[in-house]
Amino acid sequence: MNNPELCQHLQAINKVKIGDEPVCEECIKHGTTWFHLRTCQTCGQTLCCDQSPQQHMTKHYHADGHPVIASAQPGERWLWCYPDEEFTEY
């Protein structure tokens, strides 16, 4: 993202990654369901959002420290930075 008004984490994103599989692997492993999906911009893992019962993407951020996620929902084009609590559309 080439916007100096954005935090350093969002500025570091050159190409947005979106997961290939429209599933949360952690929910599948544990037999739970998800609401929406998010893709980690550091490792490319796709997990469920905070509206989902297990909130796997936020757990991933706390465990691994990967700062930026993208919505993996069709038609949504946005990024969220956890540490800076910053949102941007792309």
N, C-alpha and C. Protein backbone atom coordinates (compact mmCIF):
# COMPACT_ATOMS: atom_id res chain seq x y z
N MET A 1 0.85 -1.16 0.00
CA MET A 1 0.00 0.00 0.00
C MET A 1 0.91 1.24 0.00
N ASN A 2 0.72 2.07 -0.92
CA ASN A 2 1.56 3.26 -1.02
C ASN A 2 0.76 4.46 -0.53
N ASN A 3 0.53 4.52 0.78
CA ASN A 3 -0.21 5.62 1.38
C ASN A 3 0.49 5.98 2.69
N PRO A 4 1.18 7.12 2.74
CA PRO A 4 1.93 7.49 3.94
C PRO A 4 1.07 7.74 5.17
N GLU A 5 -0.24 7.82 4.99
CA GLU A 5 -1.13 8.02 6.14
C GLU A 5 -1.43 6.72 6.87
N LEU A 6 -1.09 5.59 6.25
CA LEU A 6 -1.33 4.28 6.87
C LEU A 6 -0.19 3.90 7.80
N CYS A 7 -0.47 3.01 8.74
CA CYS A 7 0.56 2.52 9.65
C CYS A 7 1.61 1.74 8.85
N GLN A 8 2.75 1.52 9.48
CA GLN A 8 3.86 0.84 8.80
C GLN A 8 3.50 -0.59 8.38
N HIS A 9 2.65 -1.26 9.16
CA HIS A 9 2.27 -2.63 8.81
C HIS A 9 1.45 -2.67 7.52
N LEU A 10 0.51 -1.75 7.39
CA LEU A 10 -0.31 -1.70 6.17
C LEU A 10 0.52 -1.21 4.98
N GLN A 11 1.42 -0.27 5.21
CA GLN A 11 2.28 0.21 4.13
C GLN A 11 3.17 -0.90 3.59
N ALA A 12 3.49 -1.88 4.41
CA ALA A 12 4.39 -2.97 4.00
C ALA A 12 3.72 -3.99 3.08
N ILE A 13 2.40 -3.92 2.93
CA ILE A 13 1.69 -4.88 2.07
C ILE A 13 1.85 -4.47 0.61
N ASN A 14 2.50 -5.33 -0.17
CA ASN A 14 2.70 -5.07 -1.60
C ASN A 14 1.64 -5.75 -2.46
N LYS A 15 1.28 -6.96 -2.05
CA LYS A 15 0.27 -7.74 -2.76
C LYS A 15 -0.61 -8.42 -1.73
N VAL A 16 -1.91 -8.24 -1.84
CA VAL A 16 -2.85 -8.82 -0.88
C VAL A 16 -3.03 -10.30 -1.18
N LYS A 17 -2.87 -11.12 -0.13
CA LYS A 17 -3.06 -12.57 -0.23
C LYS A 17 -4.48 -12.91 0.19
N ILE A 18 -5.13 -13.77 -0.58
CA ILE A 18 -6.44 -14.29 -0.21
C ILE A 18 -6.35 -15.81 -0.31
N GLY A 19 -6.82 -16.50 0.71
CA GLY A 19 -6.73 -17.95 0.75
C GLY A 19 -7.45 -18.63 -0.40
N ASP A 20 -6.91 -19.77 -0.83
CA ASP A 20 -7.48 -20.53 -1.94
C ASP A 20 -8.73 -21.31 -1.52
N GLU A 21 -8.74 -21.81 -0.30
CA GLU A 21 -9.85 -22.62 0.19
C GLU A 21 -10.76 -21.77 1.07
N PRO A 22 -12.05 -21.74 0.77
CA PRO A 22 -12.98 -20.93 1.58
C PRO A 22 -13.43 -21.65 2.85
N VAL A 23 -12.44 -22.04 3.68
CA VAL A 23 -12.73 -22.74 4.93
C VAL A 23 -11.78 -22.28 6.02
N CYS A 24 -12.18 -22.47 7.26
CA CYS A 24 -11.29 -22.28 8.40
C CYS A 24 -10.83 -23.67 8.82
N GLU A 25 -9.56 -23.97 8.57
CA GLU A 25 -9.03 -25.30 8.89
C GLU A 25 -9.14 -25.63 10.38
N GLU A 26 -8.98 -24.62 11.23
CA GLU A 26 -9.09 -24.86 12.68
C GLU A 26 -10.51 -25.23 13.05
N CYS A 27 -11.50 -24.57 12.46
CA CYS A 27 -12.90 -24.93 12.74
C CYS A 27 -13.18 -26.35 12.27
N ILE A 28 -12.66 -26.72 11.12
CA ILE A 28 -12.87 -28.07 10.60
C ILE A 28 -12.26 -29.10 11.56
N LYS A 29 -11.03 -28.83 12.03
CA LYS A 29 -10.36 -29.76 12.98
C LYS A 29 -11.17 -29.96 14.25
N HIS A 30 -11.80 -28.88 14.73
CA HIS A 30 -12.51 -28.93 16.02
C HIS A 30 -14.02 -29.13 15.88
N GLY A 31 -14.50 -29.25 14.65
CA GLY A 31 -15.92 -29.48 14.42
C GLY A 31 -16.79 -28.29 14.76
N THR A 32 -16.25 -27.07 14.62
CA THR A 32 -17.03 -25.86 14.87
C THR A 32 -17.33 -25.16 13.55
N THR A 33 -18.09 -24.11 13.61
CA THR A 33 -18.48 -23.38 12.40
C THR A 33 -17.89 -21.98 12.41
N TRP A 34 -17.87 -21.36 11.26
CA TRP A 34 -17.36 -20.00 11.14
C TRP A 34 -18.39 -19.12 10.47
N PHE A 35 -18.20 -17.80 10.63
CA PHE A 35 -19.10 -16.81 10.04
C PHE A 35 -18.46 -16.23 8.79
N HIS A 36 -17.34 -15.53 8.93
CA HIS A 36 -16.58 -14.99 7.80
C HIS A 36 -15.12 -15.42 7.93
N LEU A 37 -14.39 -15.30 6.84
CA LEU A 37 -13.00 -15.73 6.82
C LEU A 37 -12.06 -14.55 6.58
N ARG A 38 -10.85 -14.66 7.15
CA ARG A 38 -9.80 -13.65 7.01
C ARG A 38 -8.52 -14.36 6.64
N THR A 39 -7.67 -13.70 5.84
CA THR A 39 -6.38 -14.28 5.44
C THR A 39 -5.25 -13.46 6.03
N CYS A 40 -4.34 -14.14 6.71
CA CYS A 40 -3.16 -13.51 7.29
C CYS A 40 -2.23 -13.07 6.16
N GLN A 41 -1.78 -11.82 6.22
CA GLN A 41 -0.92 -11.29 5.17
C GLN A 41 0.55 -11.65 5.37
N THR A 42 0.89 -12.24 6.49
CA THR A 42 2.26 -12.70 6.72
C THR A 42 2.45 -14.12 6.20
N CYS A 43 1.57 -15.03 6.61
CA CYS A 43 1.76 -16.45 6.27
C CYS A 43 0.74 -17.01 5.29
N GLY A 44 -0.33 -16.26 5.01
CA GLY A 44 -1.33 -16.71 4.05
C GLY A 44 -2.39 -17.65 4.60
N GLN A 45 -2.37 -17.92 5.90
CA GLN A 45 -3.36 -18.81 6.50
C GLN A 45 -4.72 -18.12 6.54
N THR A 46 -5.77 -18.86 6.21
CA THR A 46 -7.14 -18.35 6.26
C THR A 46 -7.85 -18.97 7.45
N LEU A 47 -8.41 -18.10 8.30
CA LEU A 47 -9.09 -18.54 9.52
C LEU A 47 -10.34 -17.70 9.73
N CYS A 48 -11.14 -18.07 10.73
CA CYS A 48 -12.42 -17.40 10.97
C CYS A 48 -12.25 -16.06 11.70
N CYS A 49 -13.27 -15.22 11.53
CA CYS A 49 -13.27 -13.86 12.07
C CYS A 49 -13.76 -13.81 13.52
N ASP A 50 -13.77 -12.61 14.07
CA ASP A 50 -14.20 -12.42 15.46
C ASP A 50 -15.69 -12.62 15.67
N GLN A 51 -16.48 -12.63 14.61
CA GLN A 51 -17.91 -12.91 14.76
C GLN A 51 -18.17 -14.42 14.84
N SER A 52 -17.14 -15.19 14.54
CA SER A 52 -17.23 -16.65 14.63
C SER A 52 -17.00 -17.07 16.08
N PRO A 53 -17.60 -18.17 16.52
CA PRO A 53 -17.48 -18.59 17.92
C PRO A 53 -16.04 -18.75 18.42
N GLN A 54 -15.14 -19.28 17.58
CA GLN A 54 -13.79 -19.57 18.04
C GLN A 54 -12.77 -18.46 17.78
N GLN A 55 -13.09 -17.51 16.94
CA GLN A 55 -12.21 -16.35 16.66
C GLN A 55 -10.77 -16.77 16.37
N HIS A 56 -10.61 -17.72 15.45
CA HIS A 56 -9.29 -18.29 15.19
C HIS A 56 -8.27 -17.30 14.64
N MET A 57 -8.70 -16.33 13.82
CA MET A 57 -7.71 -15.39 13.28
C MET A 57 -7.13 -14.51 14.37
N THR A 58 -7.94 -14.04 15.30
CA THR A 58 -7.40 -13.23 16.40
C THR A 58 -6.50 -14.07 17.29
N LYS A 59 -6.84 -15.33 17.51
CA LYS A 59 -5.96 -16.23 18.27
C LYS A 59 -4.63 -16.41 17.54
N HIS A 60 -4.68 -16.50 16.21
CA HIS A 60 -3.47 -16.61 15.40
C HIS A 60 -2.60 -15.37 15.59
N TYR A 61 -3.20 -14.19 15.57
CA TYR A 61 -2.44 -12.95 15.79
C TYR A 61 -1.76 -12.97 17.17
N HIS A 62 -2.50 -13.33 18.20
CA HIS A 62 -1.91 -13.34 19.55
C HIS A 62 -0.81 -14.38 19.70
N ALA A 63 -0.94 -15.51 19.02
CA ALA A 63 0.06 -16.58 19.12
C ALA A 63 1.31 -16.28 18.27
N ASP A 64 1.10 -15.74 17.06
CA ASP A 64 2.21 -15.59 16.12
C ASP A 64 2.64 -14.15 15.86
N GLY A 65 1.79 -13.19 16.25
CA GLY A 65 2.16 -11.78 16.08
C GLY A 65 2.08 -11.27 14.65
N HIS A 66 1.43 -11.99 13.77
CA HIS A 66 1.29 -11.52 12.39
C HIS A 66 0.26 -10.38 12.37
N PRO A 67 0.67 -9.17 11.97
CA PRO A 67 -0.15 -7.99 12.24
C PRO A 67 -1.33 -7.71 11.33
N VAL A 68 -1.28 -8.11 10.05
CA VAL A 68 -2.30 -7.65 9.10
C VAL A 68 -3.09 -8.82 8.52
N ILE A 69 -4.41 -8.62 8.43
CA ILE A 69 -5.29 -9.59 7.80
C ILE A 69 -6.08 -8.91 6.69
N ALA A 70 -6.57 -9.72 5.76
CA ALA A 70 -7.47 -9.25 4.70
C ALA A 70 -8.75 -10.05 4.80
N SER A 71 -9.85 -9.41 4.44
CA SER A 71 -11.09 -10.17 4.35
C SER A 71 -10.96 -11.15 3.20
N ALA A 72 -11.40 -12.39 3.44
CA ALA A 72 -11.41 -13.41 2.39
C ALA A 72 -12.82 -13.61 1.84
N GLN A 73 -13.71 -12.68 2.17
CA GLN A 73 -15.09 -12.76 1.71
C GLN A 73 -15.20 -12.19 0.30
N PRO A 74 -15.91 -12.88 -0.58
CA PRO A 74 -16.10 -12.36 -1.94
C PRO A 74 -16.71 -10.96 -1.90
N GLY A 75 -16.15 -10.08 -2.70
CA GLY A 75 -16.67 -8.71 -2.79
C GLY A 75 -16.14 -7.75 -1.74
N GLU A 76 -15.45 -8.25 -0.73
CA GLU A 76 -14.86 -7.38 0.29
C GLU A 76 -13.38 -7.19 -0.02
N ARG A 77 -12.92 -5.94 0.02
CA ARG A 77 -11.52 -5.64 -0.27
C ARG A 77 -10.99 -4.70 0.79
N TRP A 78 -10.65 -5.27 1.94
CA TRP A 78 -10.12 -4.45 3.03
C TRP A 78 -9.06 -5.20 3.81
N LEU A 79 -8.25 -4.40 4.52
CA LEU A 79 -7.19 -4.90 5.38
C LEU A 79 -7.39 -4.35 6.78
N TRP A 80 -6.95 -5.11 7.78
CA TRP A 80 -7.00 -4.68 9.19
C TRP A 80 -5.64 -4.94 9.82
N CYS A 81 -5.13 -3.95 10.54
CA CYS A 81 -3.89 -4.09 11.29
C CYS A 81 -4.24 -4.23 12.76
N TYR A 82 -3.91 -5.38 13.34
CA TYR A 82 -4.21 -5.62 14.75
C TYR A 82 -3.49 -4.66 15.70
N PRO A 83 -2.15 -4.53 15.64
CA PRO A 83 -1.48 -3.71 16.65
C PRO A 83 -1.84 -2.23 16.59
N ASP A 84 -2.11 -1.72 15.38
CA ASP A 84 -2.43 -0.30 15.25
C ASP A 84 -3.93 -0.04 15.16
N GLU A 85 -4.73 -1.13 15.16
CA GLU A 85 -6.19 -1.03 15.05
C GLU A 85 -6.58 -0.09 13.91
N GLU A 86 -6.01 -0.39 12.74
CA GLU A 86 -6.22 0.46 11.57
C GLU A 86 -6.83 -0.37 10.44
N PHE A 87 -7.80 0.22 9.77
CA PHE A 87 -8.56 -0.40 8.68
C PHE A 87 -8.31 0.41 7.41
N THR A 88 -8.21 -0.29 6.29
CA THR A 88 -8.18 0.40 5.00
C THR A 88 -8.78 -0.50 3.93
N GLU A 89 -9.41 0.14 2.97
CA GLU A 89 -9.89 -0.58 1.80
C GLU A 89 -8.81 -0.52 0.72
N TYR A 90 -8.80 -1.46 -0.15
CA TYR A 90 -7.82 -1.43 -1.25
C TYR A 90 -8.51 -1.68 -2.57
